[in-house]
Protein backbone atom coordinates (compact mmCIF):
# COMPACT_ATOMS: atom_id res chain seq x y z
CA UNK A 1 0.22 -34.48 16.89
CA UNK A 2 -3.03 -33.24 15.48
CA UNK A 3 -2.98 -32.88 11.61
CA UNK A 4 -4.72 -29.49 11.91
CA UNK A 5 -1.95 -28.20 14.13
CA UNK A 6 0.83 -28.93 11.61
CA UNK A 7 -0.24 -26.19 9.10
CA UNK A 8 -0.61 -23.80 12.05
CA UNK A 9 3.00 -24.52 13.18
CA UNK A 10 4.19 -24.04 9.61
CA UNK A 11 2.39 -20.72 9.41
CA UNK A 12 3.90 -19.56 12.71
CA UNK A 13 7.37 -20.61 11.55
CA UNK A 14 6.90 -18.73 8.27
CA UNK A 15 5.71 -15.64 10.05
CA UNK A 16 8.67 -15.79 12.49
CA UNK A 17 11.23 -16.12 9.68
CA UNK A 18 9.63 -13.37 7.65
CA UNK A 19 9.45 -11.04 10.60
CA UNK A 20 13.06 -11.75 11.45
CA UNK A 21 14.34 -11.04 7.96
CA UNK A 22 11.93 -8.29 7.05
CA UNK A 23 11.90 -6.40 10.25
CA UNK A 24 14.97 -4.29 9.81
CA UNK A 25 14.33 -1.07 7.91
CA UNK A 26 15.41 2.52 7.58
CA UNK A 27 12.50 4.90 7.81
CA UNK A 28 11.35 8.53 8.25
CA UNK A 29 9.27 10.21 10.98
CA UNK A 30 7.84 13.66 11.61
CA UNK A 31 9.06 13.61 15.18
CA UNK A 32 12.32 12.71 17.02
CA UNK A 33 10.51 10.10 19.10
CA UNK A 34 9.62 8.12 16.00
CA UNK A 35 5.89 8.07 16.74
CA UNK A 36 4.44 10.15 13.85
CA UNK A 37 5.02 9.39 10.12
CA UNK A 38 2.65 12.21 8.85
CA UNK A 39 4.82 15.25 7.96
CA UNK A 40 3.05 18.59 8.03
CA UNK A 41 4.43 20.13 4.77
CA UNK A 42 2.27 23.28 4.82
CA UNK A 43 3.26 25.20 8.01
CA UNK A 44 1.20 28.23 8.90
CA UNK A 45 4.30 30.40 8.11
CA UNK A 46 7.38 29.73 6.08
CA UNK A 47 9.86 27.89 8.27
CA UNK A 48 11.92 24.78 9.04
CA UNK A 49 10.35 21.37 8.80
CA UNK A 50 12.32 18.47 10.30
CA UNK A 51 12.23 14.91 8.97
CA UNK A 52 13.73 12.35 11.40
CA UNK A 53 15.66 9.22 10.39
CA UNK A 54 15.66 5.89 12.24
CA UNK A 55 17.32 2.51 11.62
CA UNK A 56 14.79 0.08 13.03
CA UNK A 57 15.08 -3.58 13.87
CA UNK A 58 16.38 -5.91 16.59
CA UNK A 59 19.88 -6.66 15.42
CA UNK A 60 23.27 -5.20 16.24
CA UNK A 61 24.69 -3.00 13.44
CA UNK A 62 27.65 -0.79 12.69
CA UNK A 63 26.56 1.46 9.78
CA UNK A 64 23.95 2.14 7.10
CA UNK A 65 24.01 3.57 3.53
CA UNK A 66 20.90 5.00 1.76
CA UNK A 67 19.30 8.09 0.15
CA UNK A 68 16.28 10.18 1.23
CA UNK A 69 16.02 12.96 -1.36
CA UNK A 70 13.21 15.45 -1.24
CA UNK A 71 10.36 13.93 -3.31
CA UNK A 72 9.38 15.91 -6.31
CA UNK A 73 5.81 16.27 -5.11
CA UNK A 74 7.06 18.32 -2.03
CA UNK A 75 7.58 21.31 -4.35
CA UNK A 76 7.42 23.97 -1.53
CA UNK A 77 10.39 22.57 0.35
CA UNK A 78 14.03 23.52 -0.04
CA UNK A 79 16.64 21.17 1.49
CA UNK A 80 18.73 23.05 4.08
CA UNK A 81 20.89 20.17 5.32
CA UNK A 82 21.25 17.00 7.33
CA UNK A 83 21.93 17.09 11.05
CA UNK A 84 23.34 13.65 12.04
CA UNK A 85 23.10 12.79 15.78
CA UNK A 86 26.48 12.63 17.60
CA UNK A 87 28.62 10.58 17.94
CA UNK A 88 27.67 9.14 14.56
CA UNK A 89 30.06 9.70 11.64
CA UNK A 90 28.76 10.74 8.21
CA UNK A 91 30.00 10.84 4.57
CA UNK A 92 27.75 12.41 1.92
CA UNK A 93 24.21 13.69 2.32
CA UNK A 94 20.67 12.42 1.97
CA UNK A 95 20.02 14.22 -1.27
CA UNK A 96 22.68 13.09 -3.73
CA UNK A 97 24.60 9.90 -4.54
CA UNK A 98 24.40 8.50 -0.99
CA UNK A 99 24.80 9.03 2.73
CA UNK A 100 26.83 6.66 4.70
CA UNK A 101 26.56 6.80 8.50
CA UNK A 102 28.88 4.89 10.80
CA UNK A 103 27.71 4.28 14.34
CA UNK A 104 31.36 4.44 15.75
CA UNK A 105 30.65 1.12 17.62
CA UNK A 106 28.35 -1.85 17.31
CA UNK A 107 24.86 -0.72 18.36
CA UNK A 108 21.60 -2.52 19.00
CA UNK A 109 18.74 -1.20 16.88
CA UNK A 110 16.79 1.00 16.87
CA UNK A 111 19.25 3.78 16.24
CA UNK A 112 18.19 7.45 15.85
CA UNK A 113 20.25 8.79 12.92
CA UNK A 114 19.34 12.44 12.97
CA UNK A 115 17.20 14.79 10.92
CA UNK A 116 16.89 16.27 7.41
CA UNK A 117 15.99 19.95 7.51
CA UNK A 118 13.83 21.61 4.94
CA UNK A 119 12.84 25.30 4.65
CA UNK A 120 9.20 25.27 3.46
CA UNK A 121 7.93 28.40 1.76
CA UNK A 122 4.93 27.33 -0.34
CA UNK A 123 2.02 25.00 0.11
CA UNK A 124 2.62 21.49 -1.17
CA UNK A 125 0.06 19.06 -2.49
CA UNK A 126 -1.53 16.33 -0.33
CA UNK A 127 -0.48 12.78 -0.24
CA UNK A 128 3.20 13.24 -1.09
CA UNK A 129 5.03 9.98 -0.29
CA UNK A 130 8.57 10.41 1.02
CA UNK A 131 10.50 7.11 0.80
CA UNK A 132 13.96 6.04 1.89
CA UNK A 133 15.68 4.58 -1.19
CA UNK A 134 18.98 2.85 -2.01
CA UNK A 135 22.10 4.92 -2.89
CA UNK A 136 22.74 5.38 -6.51
CA UNK A 137 25.38 2.65 -6.54
CA UNK A 138 23.34 -0.09 -4.82
CA UNK A 139 20.17 -2.08 -5.53
CA UNK A 140 19.05 -1.97 -1.90
CA UNK A 141 19.58 0.02 1.24
CA UNK A 142 22.69 -1.38 2.94
CA UNK A 143 23.04 -2.08 6.59
CA UNK A 144 26.44 -3.14 7.94
CA UNK A 145 26.80 -5.88 10.53
CA UNK A 146 29.27 -5.80 13.31
CA UNK A 147 32.78 -7.26 13.71
CA UNK A 148 34.57 -9.42 12.98
CA UNK A 149 33.20 -9.70 9.36
CA UNK A 150 31.18 -6.46 8.96
CA UNK A 151 28.75 -8.13 6.53
CA UNK A 152 26.71 -5.98 4.09
CA UNK A 153 22.99 -6.70 4.67
CA UNK A 154 20.22 -5.54 2.34
CA UNK A 155 17.32 -3.99 4.14
CA UNK A 156 14.05 -2.30 3.21
CA UNK A 157 13.16 1.37 3.32
CA UNK A 158 10.11 2.91 4.87
CA UNK A 159 8.35 6.08 4.08
CA UNK A 160 6.60 9.03 5.56
CA UNK A 161 3.68 11.06 3.95
CA UNK A 162 3.79 14.81 3.54
CA UNK A 163 0.39 16.34 4.04
CA UNK A 164 -1.51 13.16 4.79
CA UNK A 165 -5.26 12.92 4.12
CA UNK A 166 -7.91 10.48 5.40
CA UNK A 167 -7.61 8.48 2.22
CA UNK A 168 -3.72 8.69 2.17
CA UNK A 169 -2.24 7.70 5.48
CA UNK A 170 1.29 6.64 6.32
CA UNK A 171 1.84 3.37 7.97
CA UNK A 172 3.85 3.31 11.18
CA UNK A 173 6.22 0.34 11.49
CA UNK A 174 4.94 -2.43 13.82
CA UNK A 175 7.42 -3.30 16.47
CA UNK A 176 7.88 -6.98 17.18
CA UNK A 177 9.63 -8.00 20.39
CA UNK A 178 11.50 -11.33 20.59
CA UNK A 179 9.76 -12.30 23.76
CA UNK A 180 6.37 -12.20 21.84
CA UNK A 181 7.44 -15.00 19.50
CA UNK A 182 8.23 -17.34 22.44
CA UNK A 183 4.73 -16.95 23.66
CA UNK A 184 3.25 -17.67 20.24
CA UNK A 185 5.48 -20.79 19.77
CA UNK A 186 4.50 -22.07 23.20
CA UNK A 187 0.86 -22.29 22.09
CA UNK A 188 1.87 -25.03 19.55
CA UNK A 189 4.17 -27.15 21.72
């Protein structure tokens, strides 16, 4: 084996293991399709603005626990309520202590969780970051694995940006498909 190839293989293995462990996250979007992370926080008229929640990744999961409170910088928004997608079961809400959402069965990610509704009355400042954070009783966002053990798995939280500007853009999650890694690994065999 070529000695130059060995560091390359190591780099690919590190990237694969990092992607496998760091890929799962709970994040927010401006649309139900999960394609836009820039939230328009200053509608032309007062009205409802929806923030959509997704549990992203490539694993099978049974539940998730987190918080997504209105950021202080989004001063013109008033939380109206959470609308969790059926048939998911919910305890709590996104604004206080925690929200726990059970999927009613083991589901393969990504899972659309529902939306957070705000009534926006006043203009809000630009570049307001809106993150998903751990519940008040946990150090990380918690994802629950499937039966038989239902392990608690710490995951990361993503964020959206309210009133994005050219110098303050949100970052859409990059999807990685398992079949891609096989093609990369085959280059080094």
